[in-house]
Amino acid sequence: MGTYKKGDSVKIEVVNGATKESEWMWLLVESSDDKQRVVFGTLDSEPIVNTDMRLGMSLAVTYAHVREHLPASAFKQ
């Protein structure tokens, strides 16, 4: 089991390869792998800069691109 758990949200930084602009977006975590340092999930933000990406898209992101972490418990009242 990895650092990021199913239901957590992580803010990721994505750099547009063509323009070199960066954009921060939320990813809803499905799972993570500490050995490979990768988090898997679905994009939970509407991209503005990275127009080749879409809301709900499945992604695998290295831990190096994670900028913020909110555990699932942060959303429960």
PDB file of N, CA and C in Angstrom:
ATOM      1  N   MET A   1       0.848  -1.184   0.000  1.00  0.00           N
ATOM      2  CA  MET A   1       0.000   0.000   0.000  1.00  0.00           C
ATOM      3  C   MET A   1       0.887   1.238   0.000  1.00  0.00           C
ATOM      4  N   GLY A   2       0.495   2.231  -0.785  1.00  0.00           N
ATOM      5  CA  GLY A   2       1.319   3.420  -0.930  1.00  0.00           C
ATOM      6  C   GLY A   2       0.926   4.556   0.000  1.00  0.00           C
ATOM      7  N   THR A   3       1.677   5.616  -0.106  1.00  0.00           N
ATOM      8  CA  THR A   3       1.467   6.823   0.693  1.00  0.00           C
ATOM      9  C   THR A   3       0.088   7.426   0.472  1.00  0.00           C
ATOM     10  N   TYR A   4      -0.343   7.456  -0.775  1.00  0.00           N
ATOM     11  CA  TYR A   4      -1.632   8.059  -1.134  1.00  0.00           C
ATOM     12  C   TYR A   4      -2.666   6.946  -1.273  1.00  0.00           C
ATOM     13  N   LYS A   5      -3.789   7.110  -0.590  1.00  0.00           N
ATOM     14  CA  LYS A   5      -4.829   6.076  -0.521  1.00  0.00           C
ATOM     15  C   LYS A   5      -6.007   6.415  -1.425  1.00  0.00           C
ATOM     16  N   LYS A   6      -6.763   5.376  -1.791  1.00  0.00           N
ATOM     17  CA  LYS A   6      -7.967   5.557  -2.598  1.00  0.00           C
ATOM     18  C   LYS A   6      -8.889   6.571  -1.919  1.00  0.00           C
ATOM     19  N   GLY A   7      -9.345   7.555  -2.686  1.00  0.00           N
ATOM     20  CA  GLY A   7     -10.222   8.593  -2.158  1.00  0.00           C
ATOM     21  C   GLY A   7      -9.498   9.865  -1.757  1.00  0.00           C
ATOM     22  N   ASP A   8      -8.168   9.784  -1.591  1.00  0.00           N
ATOM     23  CA  ASP A   8      -7.380  10.992  -1.324  1.00  0.00           C
ATOM     24  C   ASP A   8      -7.371  11.868  -2.575  1.00  0.00           C
ATOM     25  N   SER A   9      -7.014  13.117  -2.404  1.00  0.00           N
ATOM     26  CA  SER A   9      -6.809  14.027  -3.537  1.00  0.00           C
ATOM     27  C   SER A   9      -5.400  14.583  -3.453  1.00  0.00           C
ATOM     28  N   VAL A  10      -4.752  14.661  -4.596  1.00  0.00           N
ATOM     29  CA  VAL A  10      -3.430  15.278  -4.660  1.00  0.00           C
ATOM     30  C   VAL A  10      -3.449  16.352  -5.739  1.00  0.00           C
ATOM     31  N   LYS A  11      -2.796  17.461  -5.433  1.00  0.00           N
ATOM     32  CA  LYS A  11      -2.643  18.515  -6.429  1.00  0.00           C
ATOM     33  C   LYS A  11      -1.338  18.218  -7.153  1.00  0.00           C
ATOM     34  N   ILE A  12      -1.419  18.130  -8.479  1.00  0.00           N
ATOM     35  CA  ILE A  12      -0.250  17.796  -9.286  1.00  0.00           C
ATOM     36  C   ILE A  12       0.124  18.967 -10.182  1.00  0.00           C
ATOM     37  N   GLU A  13       1.408  19.053 -10.486  1.00  0.00           N
ATOM     38  CA  GLU A  13       1.869  20.065 -11.431  1.00  0.00           C
ATOM     39  C   GLU A  13       2.150  19.375 -12.752  1.00  0.00           C
ATOM     40  N   VAL A  14       1.537  19.903 -13.815  1.00  0.00           N
ATOM     41  CA  VAL A  14       1.720  19.366 -15.158  1.00  0.00           C
ATOM     42  C   VAL A  14       2.289  20.479 -16.031  1.00  0.00           C
ATOM     43  N   VAL A  15       3.371  20.186 -16.737  1.00  0.00           N
ATOM     44  CA  VAL A  15       4.003  21.167 -17.621  1.00  0.00           C
ATOM     45  C   VAL A  15       3.618  20.852 -19.055  1.00  0.00           C
ATOM     46  N   ASN A  16       3.121  21.862 -19.767  1.00  0.00           N
ATOM     47  CA  ASN A  16       2.779  21.722 -21.171  1.00  0.00           C
ATOM     48  C   ASN A  16       4.079  21.606 -21.965  1.00  0.00           C
ATOM     49  N   GLY A  17       4.253  20.502 -22.686  1.00  0.00           N
ATOM     50  CA  GLY A  17       5.481  20.255 -23.429  1.00  0.00           C
ATOM     51  C   GLY A  17       5.766  21.291 -24.502  1.00  0.00           C
ATOM     52  N   ALA A  18       4.741  21.838 -25.119  1.00  0.00           N
ATOM     53  CA  ALA A  18       4.924  22.799 -26.210  1.00  0.00           C
ATOM     54  C   ALA A  18       5.214  24.210 -25.709  1.00  0.00           C
ATOM     55  N   THR A  19       4.436  24.664 -24.724  1.00  0.00           N
ATOM     56  CA  THR A  19       4.559  26.054 -24.274  1.00  0.00           C
ATOM     57  C   THR A  19       5.419  26.210 -23.021  1.00  0.00           C
ATOM     58  N   LYS A  20       5.692  25.094 -22.336  1.00  0.00           N
ATOM     59  CA  LYS A  20       6.453  25.073 -21.073  1.00  0.00           C
ATOM     60  C   LYS A  20       5.700  25.741 -19.921  1.00  0.00           C
ATOM     61  N   GLU A  21       4.417  26.050 -20.115  1.00  0.00           N
ATOM     62  CA  GLU A  21       3.593  26.598 -19.032  1.00  0.00           C
ATOM     63  C   GLU A  21       3.234  25.463 -18.076  1.00  0.00           C
ATOM     64  N   SER A  22       3.181  25.773 -16.782  1.00  0.00           N
ATOM     65  CA  SER A  22       2.761  24.742 -15.831  1.00  0.00           C
ATOM     66  C   SER A  22       1.367  25.056 -15.319  1.00  0.00           C
ATOM     67  N   GLU A  23       0.693  23.989 -14.954  1.00  0.00           N
ATOM     68  CA  GLU A  23      -0.684  24.095 -14.462  1.00  0.00           C
ATOM     69  C   GLU A  23      -0.824  23.116 -13.298  1.00  0.00           C
ATOM     70  N   TRP A  24      -1.483  23.549 -12.242  1.00  0.00           N
ATOM     71  CA  TRP A  24      -1.724  22.685 -11.098  1.00  0.00           C
ATOM     72  C   TRP A  24      -3.174  22.215 -11.161  1.00  0.00           C
ATOM     73  N   MET A  25      -3.361  20.904 -11.017  1.00  0.00           N
ATOM     74  CA  MET A  25      -4.689  20.312 -11.114  1.00  0.00           C
ATOM     75  C   MET A  25      -4.850  19.256 -10.029  1.00  0.00           C
ATOM     76  N   TRP A  26      -6.093  18.937  -9.698  1.00  0.00           N
ATOM     77  CA  TRP A  26      -6.379  17.918  -8.695  1.00  0.00           C
ATOM     78  C   TRP A  26      -6.544  16.558  -9.352  1.00  0.00           C
ATOM     79  N   LEU A  27      -6.016  15.542  -8.663  1.00  0.00           N
ATOM     80  CA  LEU A  27      -6.124  14.154  -9.095  1.00  0.00           C
ATOM     81  C   LEU A  27      -6.794  13.380  -7.964  1.00  0.00           C
ATOM     82  N   LEU A  28      -7.864  12.646  -8.279  1.00  0.00           N
ATOM     83  CA  LEU A  28      -8.534  11.801  -7.303  1.00  0.00           C
ATOM     84  C   LEU A  28      -7.821  10.446  -7.311  1.00  0.00           C
ATOM     85  N   VAL A  29      -7.248  10.080  -6.190  1.00  0.00           N
ATOM     86  CA  VAL A  29      -6.369   8.913  -6.101  1.00  0.00           C
ATOM     87  C   VAL A  29      -7.151   7.598  -6.139  1.00  0.00           C
ATOM     88  N   GLU A  30      -6.641   6.678  -6.950  1.00  0.00           N
ATOM     89  CA  GLU A  30      -7.109   5.294  -6.966  1.00  0.00           C
ATOM     90  C   GLU A  30      -6.154   4.419  -6.165  1.00  0.00           C
ATOM     91  N   SER A  31      -4.844   4.638  -6.360  1.00  0.00           N
ATOM     92  CA  SER A  31      -3.818   3.876  -5.639  1.00  0.00           C
ATOM     93  C   SER A  31      -2.473   4.570  -5.826  1.00  0.00           C
ATOM     94  N   SER A  32      -1.469   4.060  -5.100  1.00  0.00           N
ATOM     95  CA  SER A  32      -0.119   4.588  -5.277  1.00  0.00           C
ATOM     96  C   SER A  32       0.892   3.482  -4.989  1.00  0.00           C
ATOM     97  N   ASP A  33       2.084   3.663  -5.499  1.00  0.00           N
ATOM     98  CA  ASP A  33       3.154   2.683  -5.359  1.00  0.00           C
ATOM     99  C   ASP A  33       4.393   3.411  -4.843  1.00  0.00           C
ATOM    100  N   ASP A  34       4.720   3.202  -3.563  1.00  0.00           N
ATOM    101  CA  ASP A  34       5.863   3.889  -2.963  1.00  0.00           C
ATOM    102  C   ASP A  34       7.190   3.448  -3.576  1.00  0.00           C
ATOM    103  N   LYS A  35       7.293   2.191  -3.951  1.00  0.00           N
ATOM    104  CA  LYS A  35       8.544   1.695  -4.542  1.00  0.00           C
ATOM    105  C   LYS A  35       8.831   2.397  -5.868  1.00  0.00           C
ATOM    106  N   GLN A  36       7.816   2.504  -6.712  1.00  0.00           N
ATOM    107  CA  GLN A  36       7.973   3.171  -8.009  1.00  0.00           C
ATOM    108  C   GLN A  36       7.754   4.687  -7.913  1.00  0.00           C
ATOM    109  N   ARG A  37       7.224   5.137  -6.771  1.00  0.00           N
ATOM    110  CA  ARG A  37       6.933   6.558  -6.516  1.00  0.00           C
ATOM    111  C   ARG A  37       5.975   7.130  -7.566  1.00  0.00           C
ATOM    112  N   VAL A  38       4.850   6.404  -7.740  1.00  0.00           N
ATOM    113  CA  VAL A  38       3.832   6.782  -8.716  1.00  0.00           C
ATOM    114  C   VAL A  38       2.467   6.738  -8.048  1.00  0.00           C
ATOM    115  N   VAL A  39       1.649   7.733  -8.355  1.00  0.00           N
ATOM    116  CA  VAL A  39       0.265   7.764  -7.891  1.00  0.00           C
ATOM    117  C   VAL A  39      -0.640   7.638  -9.118  1.00  0.00           C
ATOM    118  N   PHE A  40      -1.694   6.819  -8.988  1.00  0.00           N
ATOM    119  CA  PHE A  40      -2.637   6.568 -10.071  1.00  0.00           C
ATOM    120  C   PHE A  40      -3.990   7.148  -9.695  1.00  0.00           C
ATOM    121  N   GLY A  41      -4.671   7.752 -10.665  1.00  0.00           N
ATOM    122  CA  GLY A  41      -5.984   8.304 -10.372  1.00  0.00           C
ATOM    123  C   GLY A  41      -6.634   8.932 -11.581  1.00  0.00           C
ATOM    124  N   THR A  42      -7.703   9.695 -11.309  1.00  0.00           N
ATOM    125  CA  THR A  42      -8.434  10.374 -12.378  1.00  0.00           C
ATOM    126  C   THR A  42      -8.367  11.886 -12.165  1.00  0.00           C
ATOM    127  N   LEU A  43      -8.212  12.587 -13.249  1.00  0.00           N
ATOM    128  CA  LEU A  43      -8.102  14.042 -13.205  1.00  0.00           C
ATOM    129  C   LEU A  43      -9.420  14.627 -12.714  1.00  0.00           C
ATOM    130  N   ASP A  44      -9.346  15.464 -11.683  1.00  0.00           N
ATOM    131  CA  ASP A  44     -10.534  16.022 -11.039  1.00  0.00           C
ATOM    132  C   ASP A  44     -10.618  17.538 -11.213  1.00  0.00           C
ATOM    133  N   SER A  45      -9.881  18.056 -12.193  1.00  0.00           N
ATOM    134  CA  SER A  45      -9.907  19.488 -12.530  1.00  0.00           C
ATOM    135  C   SER A  45     -10.028  19.618 -14.043  1.00  0.00           C
ATOM    136  N   GLU A  46     -10.650  20.696 -14.469  1.00  0.00           N
ATOM    137  CA  GLU A  46     -10.756  20.974 -15.910  1.00  0.00           C
ATOM    138  C   GLU A  46      -9.472  21.665 -16.360  1.00  0.00           C
ATOM    139  N   PRO A  47      -8.670  21.022 -17.207  1.00  0.00           N
ATOM    140  CA  PRO A  47      -7.420  21.637 -17.664  1.00  0.00           C
ATOM    141  C   PRO A  47      -7.664  22.895 -18.498  1.00  0.00           C
ATOM    142  N   ILE A  48      -6.779  23.865 -18.329  1.00  0.00           N
ATOM    143  CA  ILE A  48      -6.852  25.108 -19.106  1.00  0.00           C
ATOM    144  C   ILE A  48      -5.655  25.199 -20.042  1.00  0.00           C
ATOM    145  N   VAL A  49      -4.469  24.991 -19.512  1.00  0.00           N
ATOM    146  CA  VAL A  49      -3.230  25.094 -20.290  1.00  0.00           C
ATOM    147  C   VAL A  49      -2.964  23.815 -21.087  1.00  0.00           C
ATOM    148  N   ASN A  50      -3.198  22.685 -20.460  1.00  0.00           N
ATOM    149  CA  ASN A  50      -2.922  21.387 -21.081  1.00  0.00           C
ATOM    150  C   ASN A  50      -4.167  20.870 -21.787  1.00  0.00           C
ATOM    151  N   THR A  51      -4.395  21.369 -22.986  1.00  0.00           N
ATOM    152  CA  THR A  51      -5.634  21.085 -23.704  1.00  0.00           C
ATOM    153  C   THR A  51      -5.715  19.662 -24.247  1.00  0.00           C
ATOM    154  N   ASP A  52      -4.622  18.903 -24.163  1.00  0.00           N
ATOM    155  CA  ASP A  52      -4.680  17.501 -24.587  1.00  0.00           C
ATOM    156  C   ASP A  52      -5.156  16.596 -23.453  1.00  0.00           C
ATOM    157  N   MET A  53      -5.452  17.178 -22.297  1.00  0.00           N
ATOM    158  CA  MET A  53      -5.951  16.433 -21.140  1.00  0.00           C
ATOM    159  C   MET A  53      -7.418  16.788 -20.925  1.00  0.00           C
ATOM    160  N   ARG A  54      -8.157  15.854 -20.263  1.00  0.00           N
ATOM    161  CA  ARG A  54      -9.575  16.085 -20.008  1.00  0.00           C
ATOM    162  C   ARG A  54      -9.967  15.670 -18.584  1.00  0.00           C
ATOM    163  N   LEU A  55     -10.962  16.339 -18.063  1.00  0.00           N
ATOM    164  CA  LEU A  55     -11.553  15.991 -16.768  1.00  0.00           C
ATOM    165  C   LEU A  55     -11.937  14.510 -16.789  1.00  0.00           C
ATOM    166  N   GLY A  56     -11.579  13.766 -15.753  1.00  0.00           N
ATOM    167  CA  GLY A  56     -11.917  12.355 -15.674  1.00  0.00           C
ATOM    168  C   GLY A  56     -10.900  11.420 -16.310  1.00  0.00           C
ATOM    169  N   MET A  57      -9.882  11.991 -16.928  1.00  0.00           N
ATOM    170  CA  MET A  57      -8.846  11.200 -17.590  1.00  0.00           C
ATOM    171  C   MET A  57      -8.028  10.418 -16.557  1.00  0.00           C
ATOM    172  N   SER A  58      -7.692   9.166 -16.855  1.00  0.00           N
ATOM    173  CA  SER A  58      -6.844   8.354 -15.976  1.00  0.00           C
ATOM    174  C   SER A  58      -5.386   8.753 -16.166  1.00  0.00           C
ATOM    175  N   LEU A  59      -4.680   8.928 -15.048  1.00  0.00           N
ATOM    176  CA  LEU A  59      -3.281   9.346 -15.095  1.00  0.00           C
ATOM    177  C   LEU A  59      -2.440   8.548 -14.115  1.00  0.00           C
ATOM    178  N   ALA A  60      -1.162   8.450 -14.439  1.00  0.00           N
ATOM    179  CA  ALA A  60      -0.142   7.955 -13.521  1.00  0.00           C
ATOM    180  C   ALA A  60       0.858   9.099 -13.399  1.00  0.00           C
ATOM    181  N   VAL A  61       1.128   9.553 -12.179  1.00  0.00           N
ATOM    182  CA  VAL A  61       1.946  10.740 -11.949  1.00  0.00           C
ATOM    183  C   VAL A  61       3.034  10.403 -10.936  1.00  0.00           C
ATOM    184  N   THR A  62       4.259  10.833 -11.204  1.00  0.00           N
ATOM    185  CA  THR A  62       5.342  10.588 -10.248  1.00  0.00           C
ATOM    186  C   THR A  62       5.143  11.466  -9.014  1.00  0.00           C
ATOM    187  N   TYR A  63       5.618  10.958  -7.883  1.00  0.00           N
ATOM    188  CA  TYR A  63       5.521  11.709  -6.635  1.00  0.00           C
ATOM    189  C   TYR A  63       6.196  13.077  -6.762  1.00  0.00           C
ATOM    190  N   ALA A  64       7.183  13.202  -7.626  1.00  0.00           N
ATOM    191  CA  ALA A  64       7.903  14.466  -7.796  1.00  0.00           C
ATOM    192  C   ALA A  64       6.990  15.588  -8.284  1.00  0.00           C
ATOM    193  N   HIS A  65       5.842  15.239  -8.886  1.00  0.00           N
ATOM    194  CA  HIS A  65       4.916  16.249  -9.403  1.00  0.00           C
ATOM    195  C   HIS A  65       3.746  16.529  -8.461  1.00  0.00           C
ATOM    196  N   VAL A  66       3.725  15.869  -7.295  1.00  0.00           N
ATOM    197  CA  VAL A  66       2.674  16.113  -6.305  1.00  0.00           C
ATOM    198  C   VAL A  66       3.055  17.357  -5.496  1.00  0.00           C
ATOM    199  N   ARG A  67       2.143  18.327  -5.428  1.00  0.00           N
ATOM    200  CA  ARG A  67       2.397  19.586  -4.725  1.00  0.00           C
ATOM    201  C   ARG A  67       1.603  19.724  -3.428  1.00  0.00           C
ATOM    202  N   GLU A  68       0.508  18.968  -3.321  1.00  0.00           N
ATOM    203  CA  GLU A  68      -0.328  19.036  -2.115  1.00  0.00           C
ATOM    204  C   GLU A  68      -1.076  17.717  -1.978  1.00  0.00           C
ATOM    205  N   HIS A  69      -1.386  17.345  -0.739  1.00  0.00           N
ATOM    206  CA  HIS A  69      -2.099  16.095  -0.467  1.00  0.00           C
ATOM    207  C   HIS A  69      -3.212  16.346   0.529  1.00  0.00           C
ATOM    208  N   LEU A  70      -4.413  15.928   0.162  1.00  0.00           N
ATOM    209  CA  LEU A  70      -5.543  15.993   1.081  1.00  0.00           C
ATOM    210  C   LEU A  70      -6.085  14.578   1.255  1.00  0.00           C
ATOM    211  N   PRO A  71      -5.995  14.021   2.473  1.00  0.00           N
ATOM    212  CA  PRO A  71      -6.535  12.679   2.683  1.00  0.00           C
ATOM    213  C   PRO A  71      -8.051  12.681   2.572  1.00  0.00           C
ATOM    214  N   ALA A  72      -8.597  11.520   2.235  1.00  0.00           N
ATOM    215  CA  ALA A  72     -10.047  11.398   2.093  1.00  0.00           C
ATOM    216  C   ALA A  72     -10.781  11.861   3.346  1.00  0.00           C
ATOM    217  N   SER A  73     -10.164  11.664   4.513  1.00  0.00           N
ATOM    218  CA  SER A  73     -10.810  12.058   5.777  1.00  0.00           C
ATOM    219  C   SER A  73     -11.028  13.573   5.871  1.00  0.00           C
ATOM    220  N   ALA A  74     -10.294  14.348   5.100  1.00  0.00           N
ATOM    221  CA  ALA A  74     -10.447  15.803   5.119  1.00  0.00           C
ATOM    222  C   ALA A  74     -11.784  16.234   4.513  1.00  0.00           C
ATOM    223  N   PHE A  75     -12.416  15.331   3.761  1.00  0.00           N
ATOM    224  CA  PHE A  75     -13.677  15.656   3.096  1.00  0.00           C
ATOM    225  C   PHE A  75     -14.888  15.173   3.870  1.00  0.00           C
ATOM    226  N   LYS A  76     -14.657  14.436   4.959  1.00  0.00           N
ATOM    227  CA  LYS A  76     -15.770  13.923   5.768  1.00  0.00           C
ATOM    228  C   LYS A  76     -16.072  14.885   6.897  1.00  0.00           C
ATOM    229  N   GLN A  77     -17.340  15.025   7.226  1.00  0.00           N
ATOM    230  CA  GLN A  77     -17.723  15.933   8.302  1.00  0.00           C
ATOM    231  C   GLN A  77     -18.185  15.181   9.504  1.00  0.00           C
TER     232      GLN A  77
END
